[in-house]
Amino acid sequence: MKICGQNIRKMRRSKDFTQEYMAFEMGISQKAYSDIENSKVKINLETLTKISDILEIKPSEICSISHKCTDDFEDKYHGLLEHMKKNNISIPKEYL
């Protein structure tokens, strides 16, 4: 999860956006946004999507599912990979 926060900060800075701007666009406080970048809170899919929309990038550019941004996806991710392997379904590179 720490990787996700670091990537968010890096992408935000590359766009010259402030934490205050990001927080305003997301409808949260600057402190709440800072906690996201500092990996003090888990990033859920809704939050990841909001951030990626503001930064105009794909969510996978911030945090791939393999980095396990949230524990909720870990079991589903591995289950999906196992199912695909057992059924000889090709796995897109972005899911690895």
Protein backbone atom coordinates (compact mmCIF):
# COMPACT_ATOMS: atom_id res chain seq x y z
CA MET A 1 0.00 0.00 0.00
CA LYS A 2 2.92 2.34 0.67
CA ILE A 3 3.84 2.14 -3.01
CA CYS A 4 0.39 3.45 -3.97
CA GLY A 5 0.69 6.52 -1.74
CA GLN A 6 4.16 7.27 -3.07
CA ASN A 7 2.93 6.93 -6.66
CA ILE A 8 -0.01 9.24 -6.01
CA ARG A 9 2.32 11.90 -4.59
CA LYS A 10 4.71 11.55 -7.52
CA MET A 11 1.90 11.83 -10.11
CA ARG A 12 0.30 14.78 -8.29
CA ARG A 13 3.57 16.66 -8.17
CA SER A 14 4.25 15.96 -11.84
CA LYS A 15 0.97 17.78 -12.62
CA ASP A 16 1.88 20.65 -10.23
CA PHE A 17 -1.29 19.97 -8.19
CA THR A 18 -1.36 20.77 -4.49
CA GLN A 19 -2.77 18.50 -1.83
CA GLU A 20 -5.39 21.17 -1.21
CA TYR A 21 -6.49 21.05 -4.85
CA MET A 22 -6.73 17.25 -4.82
CA ALA A 23 -8.68 17.29 -1.56
CA PHE A 24 -11.08 19.93 -2.89
CA GLU A 25 -11.72 17.94 -6.09
CA MET A 26 -12.33 14.78 -4.04
CA GLY A 27 -14.58 16.52 -1.52
CA ILE A 28 -12.38 15.67 1.46
CA SER A 29 -10.11 17.61 3.81
CA GLN A 30 -6.45 18.24 3.03
CA LYS A 31 -5.58 16.13 6.10
CA ALA A 32 -7.63 13.20 4.78
CA TYR A 33 -5.88 13.51 1.42
CA SER A 34 -2.47 13.71 3.11
CA ASP A 35 -3.27 10.48 4.96
CA ILE A 36 -3.83 8.80 1.57
CA GLU A 37 -0.44 9.88 0.24
CA ASN A 38 1.26 8.91 3.49
CA SER A 39 -0.37 5.45 3.41
CA LYS A 40 -2.13 5.99 6.73
CA VAL A 41 -5.42 4.73 5.26
CA LYS A 42 -6.27 1.91 2.89
CA ILE A 43 -7.10 2.99 -0.63
CA ASN A 44 -10.36 1.55 -1.91
CA LEU A 45 -11.37 1.35 -5.54
CA GLU A 46 -13.62 4.42 -5.33
CA THR A 47 -10.82 6.57 -3.93
CA LEU A 48 -8.32 5.23 -6.45
CA THR A 49 -10.74 6.00 -9.28
CA LYS A 50 -11.36 9.56 -8.06
CA ILE A 51 -7.65 10.25 -7.80
CA SER A 52 -6.90 8.79 -11.22
CA ASP A 53 -9.74 10.82 -12.78
CA ILE A 54 -8.35 14.06 -11.32
CA LEU A 55 -4.83 13.19 -12.47
CA GLU A 56 -6.19 12.03 -15.85
CA ILE A 57 -4.43 8.68 -15.69
CA LYS A 58 -5.45 5.03 -15.41
CA PRO A 59 -5.84 3.63 -11.88
CA SER A 60 -3.29 0.94 -12.79
CA GLU A 61 -0.67 3.67 -13.26
CA ILE A 62 -1.02 4.47 -9.57
CA CYS A 63 -1.48 1.07 -8.05
CA SER A 64 -1.84 -2.24 -9.80
CA ILE A 65 -3.98 -4.85 -8.13
CA SER A 66 -0.88 -6.95 -7.65
CA HIS A 67 0.36 -4.31 -5.19
CA LYS A 68 -2.71 -5.14 -3.10
CA CYS A 69 -3.95 -1.60 -2.45
CA THR A 70 -6.65 -3.14 -0.33
CA ASP A 71 -6.74 -6.56 1.23
CA ASP A 72 -10.29 -7.02 -0.11
CA PHE A 73 -8.97 -7.62 -3.61
CA GLU A 74 -6.11 -9.97 -2.78
CA ASP A 75 -8.17 -13.16 -2.48
CA LYS A 76 -10.34 -12.29 -5.47
CA TYR A 77 -7.26 -11.50 -7.55
CA HIS A 78 -5.55 -14.78 -6.77
CA GLY A 79 -8.78 -16.72 -7.24
CA LEU A 80 -9.29 -15.16 -10.65
CA LEU A 81 -5.72 -15.95 -11.71
CA GLU A 82 -6.09 -19.57 -10.59
CA HIS A 83 -9.38 -19.91 -12.47
CA MET A 84 -7.85 -18.46 -15.61
CA LYS A 85 -4.81 -20.76 -15.40
CA LYS A 86 -6.92 -23.89 -14.79
CA ASN A 87 -9.14 -23.07 -17.77
CA ASN A 88 -6.28 -22.11 -20.09
CA ILE A 89 -7.52 -18.52 -20.38
CA SER A 90 -4.81 -16.08 -21.39
CA ILE A 91 -4.01 -13.52 -18.71
CA PRO A 92 -3.53 -9.92 -19.89
CA LYS A 93 -0.16 -8.46 -18.90
CA GLU A 94 -1.77 -5.64 -16.90
CA TYR A 95 -3.19 -8.23 -14.47
CA LEU A 96 0.20 -9.72 -13.67
